[in-house]
PDB file of N, CA and C in Angstrom:
ATOM      1  N   MET A   1    -151.595 134.320 -49.719  1.00  0.00           N
ATOM      2  CA  MET A   1    -151.069 135.371 -49.359  1.00  0.00           C
ATOM      3  C   MET A   1    -152.784 135.664 -48.653  1.00  0.00           C
ATOM      4  N   LYS A   2    -153.039 136.384 -47.390  1.00  0.00           N
ATOM      5  CA  LYS A   2    -154.622 136.330 -47.030  1.00  0.00           C
ATOM      6  C   LYS A   2    -155.295 137.909 -47.949  1.00  0.00           C
ATOM      7  N   ASP A   3    -156.795 138.058 -47.677  1.00  0.00           N
ATOM      8  CA  ASP A   3    -156.752 139.050 -48.136  1.00  0.00           C
ATOM      9  C   ASP A   3    -156.545 140.142 -47.313  1.00  0.00           C
ATOM     10  N   ASP A   4    -156.274 141.374 -48.406  1.00  0.00           N
ATOM     11  CA  ASP A   4    -155.567 142.456 -48.457  1.00  0.00           C
ATOM     12  C   ASP A   4    -156.601 143.565 -47.922  1.00  0.00           C
ATOM     13  N   LEU A   5    -156.937 143.331 -46.375  1.00  0.00           N
ATOM     14  CA  LEU A   5    -158.300 144.573 -45.764  1.00  0.00           C
ATOM     15  C   LEU A   5    -158.033 146.164 -46.570  1.00  0.00           C
ATOM     16  N   ASN A   6    -156.967 146.629 -46.266  1.00  0.00           N
ATOM     17  CA  ASN A   6    -156.700 147.856 -46.837  1.00  0.00           C
ATOM     18  C   ASN A   6    -156.372 148.153 -48.506  1.00  0.00           C
ATOM     19  N   ALA A   7    -156.566 146.673 -49.362  1.00  0.00           N
ATOM     20  CA  ALA A   7    -155.540 147.381 -50.240  1.00  0.00           C
ATOM     21  C   ALA A   7    -156.197 148.418 -51.221  1.00  0.00           C
ATOM     22  N   MET A   8    -157.696 149.420 -50.615  1.00  0.00           N
ATOM     23  CA  MET A   8    -157.968 150.575 -51.607  1.00  0.00           C
ATOM     24  C   MET A   8    -156.934 151.754 -50.697  1.00  0.00           C
ATOM     25  N   LEU A   9    -156.310 151.957 -49.575  1.00  0.00           N
ATOM     26  CA  LEU A   9    -155.965 152.695 -48.889  1.00  0.00           C
ATOM     27  C   LEU A   9    -154.319 153.678 -49.989  1.00  0.00           C
ATOM     28  N   GLU A  10    -154.271 154.610 -50.051  1.00  0.00           N
ATOM     29  CA  GLU A  10    -153.135 155.265 -50.702  1.00  0.00           C
ATOM     30  C   GLU A  10    -152.463 155.935 -49.899  1.00  0.00           C
ATOM     31  N   PRO A  11    -151.628 156.253 -49.972  1.00  0.00           N
ATOM     32  CA  PRO A  11    -150.320 157.514 -49.135  1.00  0.00           C
ATOM     33  C   PRO A  11    -151.364 158.703 -49.028  1.00  0.00           C
ATOM     34  N   GLY A  12    -151.459 159.635 -47.758  1.00  0.00           N
ATOM     35  CA  GLY A  12    -152.231 160.788 -47.529  1.00  0.00           C
ATOM     36  C   GLY A  12    -153.481 160.516 -47.390  1.00  0.00           C
ATOM     37  N   GLN A  13    -154.398 159.299 -47.074  1.00  0.00           N
ATOM     38  CA  GLN A  13    -155.962 158.909 -46.906  1.00  0.00           C
ATOM     39  C   GLN A  13    -155.619 159.000 -45.382  1.00  0.00           C
ATOM     40  N   LEU A  14    -156.592 159.925 -44.576  1.00  0.00           N
ATOM     41  CA  LEU A  14    -156.451 159.550 -43.529  1.00  0.00           C
ATOM     42  C   LEU A  14    -157.682 158.647 -42.829  1.00  0.00           C
ATOM     43  N   VAL A  15    -157.774 157.670 -42.106  1.00  0.00           N
ATOM     44  CA  VAL A  15    -158.019 157.001 -41.248  1.00  0.00           C
ATOM     45  C   VAL A  15    -158.379 156.681 -39.895  1.00  0.00           C
ATOM     46  N   ARG A  16    -158.923 155.676 -39.204  1.00  0.00           N
ATOM     47  CA  ARG A  16    -158.831 155.498 -38.029  1.00  0.00           C
ATOM     48  C   ARG A  16    -158.767 153.956 -37.897  1.00  0.00           C
ATOM     49  N   HIS A  17    -157.943 152.834 -36.419  1.00  0.00           N
ATOM     50  CA  HIS A  17    -158.022 151.937 -36.390  1.00  0.00           C
ATOM     51  C   HIS A  17    -159.230 151.751 -35.208  1.00  0.00           C
ATOM     52  N   PRO A  18    -159.740 150.546 -35.934  1.00  0.00           N
ATOM     53  CA  PRO A  18    -161.136 149.941 -35.399  1.00  0.00           C
ATOM     54  C   PRO A  18    -161.189 150.070 -33.734  1.00  0.00           C
ATOM     55  N   THR A  19    -160.222 149.566 -33.062  1.00  0.00           N
ATOM     56  CA  THR A  19    -160.317 148.987 -31.496  1.00  0.00           C
ATOM     57  C   THR A  19    -159.085 150.265 -30.963  1.00  0.00           C
ATOM     58  N   GLN A  20    -158.565 150.537 -32.186  1.00  0.00           N
ATOM     59  CA  GLN A  20    -157.553 152.015 -30.764  1.00  0.00           C
ATOM     60  C   GLN A  20    -158.189 153.453 -31.328  1.00  0.00           C
ATOM     61  N   MET A  21    -159.170 153.881 -31.069  1.00  0.00           N
ATOM     62  CA  MET A  21    -159.537 154.961 -31.305  1.00  0.00           C
ATOM     63  C   MET A  21    -158.848 155.754 -30.820  1.00  0.00           C
ATOM     64  N   GLU A  22    -158.533 156.190 -29.451  1.00  0.00           N
ATOM     65  CA  GLU A  22    -157.739 156.451 -28.635  1.00  0.00           C
ATOM     66  C   GLU A  22    -156.538 157.095 -29.565  1.00  0.00           C
ATOM     67  N   TRP A  23    -155.828 156.766 -30.388  1.00  0.00           N
ATOM     68  CA  TRP A  23    -154.617 156.734 -31.248  1.00  0.00           C
ATOM     69  C   TRP A  23    -154.557 158.189 -32.096  1.00  0.00           C
ATOM     70  N   GLY A  24    -156.286 157.953 -32.320  1.00  0.00           N
ATOM     71  CA  GLY A  24    -156.657 159.581 -33.413  1.00  0.00           C
ATOM     72  C   GLY A  24    -156.852 159.146 -34.588  1.00  0.00           C
ATOM     73  N   THR A  25    -157.172 160.324 -35.457  1.00  0.00           N
ATOM     74  CA  THR A  25    -156.830 160.262 -36.663  1.00  0.00           C
ATOM     75  C   THR A  25    -155.415 159.831 -37.523  1.00  0.00           C
ATOM     76  N   GLY A  26    -155.301 158.761 -38.298  1.00  0.00           N
ATOM     77  CA  GLY A  26    -153.506 158.601 -39.056  1.00  0.00           C
ATOM     78  C   GLY A  26    -153.941 158.668 -40.068  1.00  0.00           C
ATOM     79  N   GLN A  27    -152.715 159.075 -40.709  1.00  0.00           N
ATOM     80  CA  GLN A  27    -152.562 159.050 -42.083  1.00  0.00           C
ATOM     81  C   GLN A  27    -151.884 158.767 -42.791  1.00  0.00           C
ATOM     82  N   VAL A  28    -152.071 157.615 -44.009  1.00  0.00           N
ATOM     83  CA  VAL A  28    -151.299 156.755 -44.318  1.00  0.00           C
ATOM     84  C   VAL A  28    -149.988 157.170 -44.863  1.00  0.00           C
ATOM     85  N   GLN A  29    -148.886 156.408 -44.721  1.00  0.00           N
ATOM     86  CA  GLN A  29    -147.517 157.046 -45.235  1.00  0.00           C
ATOM     87  C   GLN A  29    -147.333 155.972 -46.328  1.00  0.00           C
ATOM     88  N   SER A  30    -147.710 154.551 -46.133  1.00  0.00           N
ATOM     89  CA  SER A  30    -147.440 153.624 -47.461  1.00  0.00           C
ATOM     90  C   SER A  30    -148.294 152.512 -47.420  1.00  0.00           C
ATOM     91  N   ASN A  31    -148.199 151.460 -48.573  1.00  0.00           N
ATOM     92  CA  ASN A  31    -149.231 150.321 -48.232  1.00  0.00           C
ATOM     93  C   ASN A  31    -148.401 149.752 -49.194  1.00  0.00           C
ATOM     94  N   ILE A  32    -147.982 148.867 -48.765  1.00  0.00           N
ATOM     95  CA  ILE A  32    -146.954 147.917 -49.285  1.00  0.00           C
ATOM     96  C   ILE A  32    -146.997 146.259 -49.326  1.00  0.00           C
ATOM     97  N   ASN A  33    -147.345 145.719 -50.356  1.00  0.00           N
ATOM     98  CA  ASN A  33    -147.556 144.191 -49.943  1.00  0.00           C
ATOM     99  C   ASN A  33    -148.231 143.900 -48.751  1.00  0.00           C
ATOM    100  N   GLY A  34    -149.263 144.703 -48.528  1.00  0.00           N
ATOM    101  CA  GLY A  34    -149.627 144.239 -47.091  1.00  0.00           C
ATOM    102  C   GLY A  34    -149.744 144.854 -45.757  1.00  0.00           C
ATOM    103  N   LYS A  35    -148.564 145.579 -46.174  1.00  0.00           N
ATOM    104  CA  LYS A  35    -147.790 146.641 -44.658  1.00  0.00           C
ATOM    105  C   LYS A  35    -148.426 147.593 -45.162  1.00  0.00           C
ATOM    106  N   LEU A  36    -149.061 148.355 -43.868  1.00  0.00           N
ATOM    107  CA  LEU A  36    -149.365 149.537 -44.055  1.00  0.00           C
ATOM    108  C   LEU A  36    -148.752 150.197 -43.042  1.00  0.00           C
ATOM    109  N   THR A  37    -148.154 151.376 -43.497  1.00  0.00           N
ATOM    110  CA  THR A  37    -147.704 152.170 -42.576  1.00  0.00           C
ATOM    111  C   THR A  37    -148.293 153.455 -42.274  1.00  0.00           C
ATOM    112  N   VAL A  38    -149.098 153.891 -41.160  1.00  0.00           N
ATOM    113  CA  VAL A  38    -149.608 154.819 -40.392  1.00  0.00           C
ATOM    114  C   VAL A  38    -149.219 155.627 -39.375  1.00  0.00           C
ATOM    115  N   MET A  39    -149.194 157.110 -39.826  1.00  0.00           N
ATOM    116  CA  MET A  39    -148.785 158.261 -38.575  1.00  0.00           C
ATOM    117  C   MET A  39    -150.086 158.712 -37.714  1.00  0.00           C
ATOM    118  N   PHE A  40    -149.997 158.435 -36.701  1.00  0.00           N
ATOM    119  CA  PHE A  40    -151.026 158.634 -35.899  1.00  0.00           C
ATOM    120  C   PHE A  40    -151.224 159.678 -34.870  1.00  0.00           C
ATOM    121  N   LEU A  41    -151.922 160.713 -35.065  1.00  0.00           N
ATOM    122  CA  LEU A  41    -151.767 161.843 -33.772  1.00  0.00           C
ATOM    123  C   LEU A  41    -151.561 161.193 -32.704  1.00  0.00           C
ATOM    124  N   GLN A  42    -152.222 160.618 -32.108  1.00  0.00           N
ATOM    125  CA  GLN A  42    -151.358 160.432 -30.908  1.00  0.00           C
ATOM    126  C   GLN A  42    -150.690 159.130 -30.125  1.00  0.00           C
ATOM    127  N   GLN A  43    -150.255 158.095 -31.639  1.00  0.00           N
ATOM    128  CA  GLN A  43    -149.678 157.290 -31.269  1.00  0.00           C
ATOM    129  C   GLN A  43    -148.347 157.255 -32.345  1.00  0.00           C
ATOM    130  N   GLY A  44    -148.275 158.181 -32.930  1.00  0.00           N
ATOM    131  CA  GLY A  44    -147.054 157.701 -33.679  1.00  0.00           C
ATOM    132  C   GLY A  44    -147.203 156.834 -35.092  1.00  0.00           C
ATOM    133  N   LYS A  45    -146.095 156.636 -35.422  1.00  0.00           N
ATOM    134  CA  LYS A  45    -145.925 155.749 -36.583  1.00  0.00           C
ATOM    135  C   LYS A  45    -146.460 154.167 -36.135  1.00  0.00           C
ATOM    136  N   VAL A  46    -147.182 153.378 -36.989  1.00  0.00           N
ATOM    137  CA  VAL A  46    -147.597 152.049 -36.680  1.00  0.00           C
ATOM    138  C   VAL A  46    -147.451 151.503 -38.055  1.00  0.00           C
ATOM    139  N   VAL A  47    -147.114 150.074 -38.107  1.00  0.00           N
ATOM    140  CA  VAL A  47    -146.853 149.124 -39.262  1.00  0.00           C
ATOM    141  C   VAL A  47    -148.231 148.618 -38.914  1.00  0.00           C
ATOM    142  N   ILE A  48    -149.206 148.460 -39.919  1.00  0.00           N
ATOM    143  CA  ILE A  48    -150.468 147.079 -39.862  1.00  0.00           C
ATOM    144  C   ILE A  48    -150.519 146.415 -40.850  1.00  0.00           C
ATOM    145  N   ASP A  49    -150.760 144.975 -40.382  1.00  0.00           N
ATOM    146  CA  ASP A  49    -150.935 143.814 -41.559  1.00  0.00           C
ATOM    147  C   ASP A  49    -151.869 143.595 -41.919  1.00  0.00           C
ATOM    148  N   SER A  50    -152.461 144.219 -42.987  1.00  0.00           N
ATOM    149  CA  SER A  50    -153.917 144.139 -43.732  1.00  0.00           C
ATOM    150  C   SER A  50    -154.293 143.205 -43.659  1.00  0.00           C
ATOM    151  N   SER A  51    -153.619 142.015 -43.434  1.00  0.00           N
ATOM    152  CA  SER A  51    -154.220 140.815 -43.305  1.00  0.00           C
ATOM    153  C   SER A  51    -155.224 140.437 -41.954  1.00  0.00           C
ATOM    154  N   ARG A  52    -155.052 141.714 -41.259  1.00  0.00           N
ATOM    155  CA  ARG A  52    -155.543 141.897 -39.837  1.00  0.00           C
ATOM    156  C   ARG A  52    -156.488 142.280 -39.373  1.00  0.00           C
ATOM    157  N   VAL A  53    -156.404 143.827 -39.716  1.00  0.00           N
ATOM    158  CA  VAL A  53    -157.004 144.858 -39.690  1.00  0.00           C
ATOM    159  C   VAL A  53    -157.647 145.469 -40.360  1.00  0.00           C
ATOM    160  N   ALA A  54    -158.797 146.124 -40.802  1.00  0.00           N
ATOM    161  CA  ALA A  54    -159.274 147.001 -41.869  1.00  0.00           C
ATOM    162  C   ALA A  54    -159.169 147.841 -41.021  1.00  0.00           C
ATOM    163  N   LEU A  55    -158.851 149.071 -41.280  1.00  0.00           N
ATOM    164  CA  LEU A  55    -158.754 150.243 -40.879  1.00  0.00           C
ATOM    165  C   LEU A  55    -160.000 151.153 -41.746  1.00  0.00           C
ATOM    166  N   LEU A  56    -160.039 151.715 -40.866  1.00  0.00           N
ATOM    167  CA  LEU A  56    -161.711 152.784 -40.694  1.00  0.00           C
ATOM    168  C   LEU A  56    -161.271 154.382 -42.050  1.00  0.00           C
ATOM    169  N   PRO A  57    -161.804 154.247 -43.177  1.00  0.00           N
ATOM    170  CA  PRO A  57    -161.450 155.635 -43.561  1.00  0.00           C
ATOM    171  C   PRO A  57    -162.077 156.634 -43.352  1.00  0.00           C
ATOM    172  N   VAL A  58    -161.456 157.848 -43.103  1.00  0.00           N
ATOM    173  CA  VAL A  58    -161.832 159.246 -42.404  1.00  0.00           C
ATOM    174  C   VAL A  58    -162.068 160.142 -44.053  1.00  0.00           C
ATOM    175  N   TYR A  59    -163.460 160.228 -43.633  1.00  0.00           N
ATOM    176  CA  TYR A  59    -164.417 161.350 -44.901  1.00  0.00           C
ATOM    177  C   TYR A  59    -164.643 162.753 -44.309  1.00  0.00           C
ATOM    178  N   ASP A  60    -163.941 163.847 -44.604  1.00  0.00           N
ATOM    179  CA  ASP A  60    -163.741 165.245 -43.864  1.00  0.00           C
ATOM    180  C   ASP A  60    -165.162 165.557 -44.537  1.00  0.00           C
TER     181      ASP A  60
END
């Protein structure tokens, strides 16, 4: 398996997609076997392949 770029992310954490900033802030729903499910404010639920995209943590 390729590197999991989002291994440290847990449900409830806030993130942004590095190339889809118009999606707004997303909240991690699950992080299982390199598949990250995130609910974005402007885009809805998206499944991210953690071997391809490193999400950006948001700290309020």
